[in-house]
Each structure stands twice: as structure tokens, then as C-alpha cells.
């Protein structure tokens, strides 16, 4: 859109054109400021230890598993 305006002889900044396009509801699929972001997620890494002591941690309220009643 911005290049088409330049070809027609209309001079304005690219950000002004993007702002006007946003106000009019026109989507631009080519220009994006942040195309990707860093993610350090590696999925399920390692193994879960077996529960040899058969401990259960089914707390129904806060701090219940720490206090034995």
C-alpha cells in the first residue's frame, strides 16, 4: 500500500499509512514488526522418577499437604 502511494506521487511515512490502514480496518499480511519470538521450550525432557514410597499429594486446600492432621 505504501509503495503504491509513492508510485502515485503521494508522500507520507510508512507508519502513517499503517495507522490509517488500521483505522480503516485494512489488514496487511506482509509487514509485521515482530515476526517471531524466542522460545526456550523443549517439551518433556527427562524421565519422571517412580513413586516407590507410594506418597499421595491430593491437597484440597492450601498448605494441607505440609501439615499432618
N, C-alpha and C. Protein backbone atom coordinates (compact mmCIF):
# COMPACT_ATOMS: atom_id res chain seq x y z
N UNK A 1 0.84 -1.18 0.00
CA UNK A 1 0.00 0.00 0.00
C UNK A 1 0.89 1.25 0.00
N UNK A 2 1.90 1.26 0.85
CA UNK A 2 2.80 2.41 0.95
C UNK A 2 3.54 2.63 -0.37
N UNK A 3 4.01 1.55 -1.00
CA UNK A 3 4.74 1.67 -2.28
C UNK A 3 3.82 2.16 -3.39
N UNK A 4 2.57 1.73 -3.35
CA UNK A 4 1.61 2.18 -4.35
C UNK A 4 1.35 3.68 -4.22
N UNK A 5 1.29 4.17 -2.99
CA UNK A 5 1.11 5.61 -2.79
C UNK A 5 2.32 6.39 -3.28
N UNK A 6 3.53 5.85 -3.05
CA UNK A 6 4.73 6.52 -3.55
C UNK A 6 4.76 6.55 -5.08
N UNK A 7 4.31 5.47 -5.70
CA UNK A 7 4.27 5.43 -7.16
C UNK A 7 3.29 6.44 -7.74
N UNK A 8 2.24 6.75 -6.98
CA UNK A 8 1.24 7.72 -7.42
C UNK A 8 1.66 9.15 -7.10
N UNK A 9 2.77 9.32 -6.40
CA UNK A 9 3.28 10.64 -6.08
C UNK A 9 2.82 11.18 -4.75
N UNK A 10 2.19 10.37 -3.94
CA UNK A 10 1.73 10.79 -2.61
C UNK A 10 2.81 10.42 -1.60
N UNK A 11 3.36 11.44 -0.91
CA UNK A 11 4.45 11.19 0.04
C UNK A 11 3.91 11.25 1.46
N UNK A 12 4.18 10.19 2.19
CA UNK A 12 3.86 10.12 3.62
C UNK A 12 4.71 9.00 4.20
N UNK A 13 4.80 8.96 5.51
CA UNK A 13 5.63 7.93 6.13
C UNK A 13 4.90 6.59 6.14
N UNK A 14 5.66 5.53 6.23
CA UNK A 14 5.09 4.18 6.23
C UNK A 14 4.24 3.95 7.48
N UNK A 15 4.67 4.52 8.61
CA UNK A 15 3.90 4.34 9.83
C UNK A 15 2.56 5.06 9.77
N UNK A 16 2.50 6.21 9.10
CA UNK A 16 1.23 6.92 8.93
C UNK A 16 0.27 6.10 8.09
N UNK A 17 0.79 5.48 7.04
CA UNK A 17 -0.04 4.63 6.19
C UNK A 17 -0.55 3.43 6.98
N UNK A 18 0.30 2.82 7.80
CA UNK A 18 -0.12 1.68 8.62
C UNK A 18 -1.18 2.09 9.63
N UNK A 19 -1.03 3.29 10.22
CA UNK A 19 -2.01 3.76 11.19
C UNK A 19 -3.37 4.00 10.52
N UNK A 20 -3.36 4.60 9.34
CA UNK A 20 -4.61 4.83 8.62
C UNK A 20 -5.24 3.52 8.17
N UNK A 21 -4.43 2.57 7.77
CA UNK A 21 -4.96 1.28 7.39
C UNK A 21 -5.61 0.59 8.58
N UNK A 22 -5.01 0.73 9.76
CA UNK A 22 -5.57 0.14 10.97
C UNK A 22 -6.91 0.78 11.32
N UNK A 23 -7.01 2.10 11.17
CA UNK A 23 -8.26 2.80 11.46
C UNK A 23 -9.36 2.40 10.49
N UNK A 24 -9.00 2.11 9.24
CA UNK A 24 -9.99 1.73 8.23
C UNK A 24 -10.29 0.23 8.26
N UNK A 25 -9.51 -0.53 9.02
CA UNK A 25 -9.75 -1.96 9.13
C UNK A 25 -9.14 -2.76 8.00
N UNK A 26 -8.14 -2.19 7.32
CA UNK A 26 -7.47 -2.89 6.22
C UNK A 26 -6.29 -3.66 6.80
N UNK A 27 -6.24 -4.97 6.54
CA UNK A 27 -5.17 -5.82 7.08
C UNK A 27 -4.01 -5.87 6.09
N UNK A 28 -2.81 -5.88 6.64
CA UNK A 28 -1.60 -6.03 5.85
C UNK A 28 -0.88 -7.28 6.33
N UNK A 29 -0.75 -8.27 5.48
CA UNK A 29 -0.17 -9.54 5.88
C UNK A 29 1.32 -9.62 5.61
N UNK A 30 1.88 -8.62 4.93
CA UNK A 30 3.30 -8.68 4.58
C UNK A 30 4.15 -8.04 5.66
N UNK A 31 3.77 -6.86 6.13
CA UNK A 31 4.60 -6.12 7.07
C UNK A 31 4.20 -6.43 8.50
N UNK A 32 5.11 -7.00 9.25
CA UNK A 32 4.90 -7.24 10.68
C UNK A 32 6.16 -6.84 11.41
N UNK A 33 6.01 -6.14 12.50
CA UNK A 33 7.19 -5.68 13.24
C UNK A 33 7.91 -6.83 13.93
N UNK A 34 7.14 -7.69 14.61
CA UNK A 34 7.73 -8.82 15.33
C UNK A 34 7.24 -10.10 14.68
N UNK A 35 8.04 -10.68 13.83
CA UNK A 35 7.60 -11.88 13.13
C UNK A 35 7.77 -13.14 13.97
N UNK A 36 8.72 -13.14 14.87
CA UNK A 36 8.91 -14.32 15.70
C UNK A 36 9.49 -13.90 17.04
N UNK A 37 9.34 -14.78 18.00
CA UNK A 37 9.91 -14.51 19.32
C UNK A 37 10.66 -15.75 19.79
N UNK A 38 11.54 -15.57 20.72
CA UNK A 38 12.37 -16.66 21.22
C UNK A 38 11.57 -17.53 22.18
N UNK A 39 11.69 -18.81 22.05
CA UNK A 39 11.04 -19.74 22.95
C UNK A 39 12.06 -20.81 23.33
N UNK A 40 12.28 -20.98 24.63
CA UNK A 40 13.24 -21.98 25.08
C UNK A 40 12.55 -23.29 25.46
N UNK A 41 11.26 -23.43 25.14
CA UNK A 41 10.51 -24.63 25.49
C UNK A 41 11.05 -25.83 24.72
N UNK A 42 11.37 -26.90 25.43
CA UNK A 42 11.94 -28.09 24.79
C UNK A 42 11.02 -29.30 24.90
N UNK A 43 9.82 -29.11 25.44
CA UNK A 43 8.90 -30.23 25.58
C UNK A 43 9.20 -31.01 26.84
N UNK A 44 8.78 -32.25 26.87
CA UNK A 44 9.03 -33.11 28.01
C UNK A 44 10.46 -33.63 27.94
N UNK A 45 11.29 -33.17 28.88
CA UNK A 45 12.70 -33.53 28.88
C UNK A 45 12.96 -34.38 30.12
N UNK A 46 13.63 -35.50 29.95
CA UNK A 46 13.99 -36.36 31.06
C UNK A 46 12.89 -37.34 31.41
N UNK A 47 13.09 -38.01 32.55
CA UNK A 47 12.13 -39.02 32.99
C UNK A 47 11.58 -38.64 34.34
N UNK A 48 10.36 -39.07 34.63
CA UNK A 48 9.75 -38.88 35.93
C UNK A 48 10.17 -40.04 36.83
N UNK A 49 10.57 -39.71 38.05
CA UNK A 49 11.03 -40.73 38.99
C UNK A 49 9.84 -41.57 39.46
N UNK A 50 10.02 -42.87 39.61
CA UNK A 50 8.92 -43.72 40.09
C UNK A 50 8.60 -43.42 41.55
N UNK A 51 7.34 -43.61 41.93
CA UNK A 51 6.85 -43.33 43.27
C UNK A 51 7.00 -44.58 44.14
N UNK A 52 8.23 -44.85 44.62
CA UNK A 52 8.49 -46.04 45.42
C UNK A 52 7.83 -45.98 46.79
N UNK A 53 7.70 -44.79 47.36
CA UNK A 53 7.13 -44.65 48.71
C UNK A 53 5.61 -44.58 48.69
N UNK A 54 5.01 -44.59 47.53
CA UNK A 54 3.56 -44.54 47.36
C UNK A 54 2.95 -43.33 48.07
N UNK A 55 3.59 -42.19 47.94
CA UNK A 55 3.10 -40.97 48.55
C UNK A 55 2.02 -40.36 47.67
N UNK A 56 1.00 -39.81 48.31
CA UNK A 56 -0.09 -39.13 47.59
C UNK A 56 -0.10 -37.68 48.02
N UNK A 57 -0.26 -36.80 47.08
CA UNK A 57 -0.31 -35.37 47.35
C UNK A 57 -1.61 -34.83 46.77
N UNK A 58 -2.70 -35.17 47.41
CA UNK A 58 -4.02 -34.73 46.96
C UNK A 58 -4.56 -33.71 47.96
N UNK A 59 -4.01 -32.53 47.96
CA UNK A 59 -4.44 -31.48 48.88
C UNK A 59 -5.70 -30.81 48.33
N UNK A 60 -6.71 -30.64 49.20
CA UNK A 60 -7.94 -29.96 48.78
C UNK A 60 -7.93 -28.49 49.16
N UNK A 61 -7.01 -28.09 50.05
CA UNK A 61 -6.89 -26.68 50.41
C UNK A 61 -5.41 -26.32 50.47
N UNK A 62 -5.12 -25.05 50.66
CA UNK A 62 -3.74 -24.59 50.69
C UNK A 62 -2.99 -25.13 51.90
N UNK A 63 -1.77 -25.49 51.73
CA UNK A 63 -0.82 -25.93 52.75
C UNK A 63 -1.32 -27.19 53.48
N UNK A 64 -2.25 -27.92 52.95
CA UNK A 64 -2.75 -29.11 53.60
C UNK A 64 -1.73 -30.25 53.51
N UNK A 65 -0.99 -30.31 52.44
CA UNK A 65 -0.04 -31.42 52.31
C UNK A 65 1.19 -31.23 53.19
N UNK A 66 1.44 -30.01 53.71
CA UNK A 66 2.56 -29.78 54.60
C UNK A 66 2.22 -30.09 56.05
N UNK A 67 0.96 -29.95 56.42
CA UNK A 67 0.54 -30.13 57.81
C UNK A 67 -0.16 -31.50 57.92
N UNK A 68 0.29 -32.32 58.84
CA UNK A 68 -0.33 -33.63 59.04
C UNK A 68 -1.32 -33.52 60.19
N UNK A 69 -2.55 -33.85 59.92
CA UNK A 69 -3.61 -33.76 60.96
C UNK A 69 -4.21 -35.12 61.16
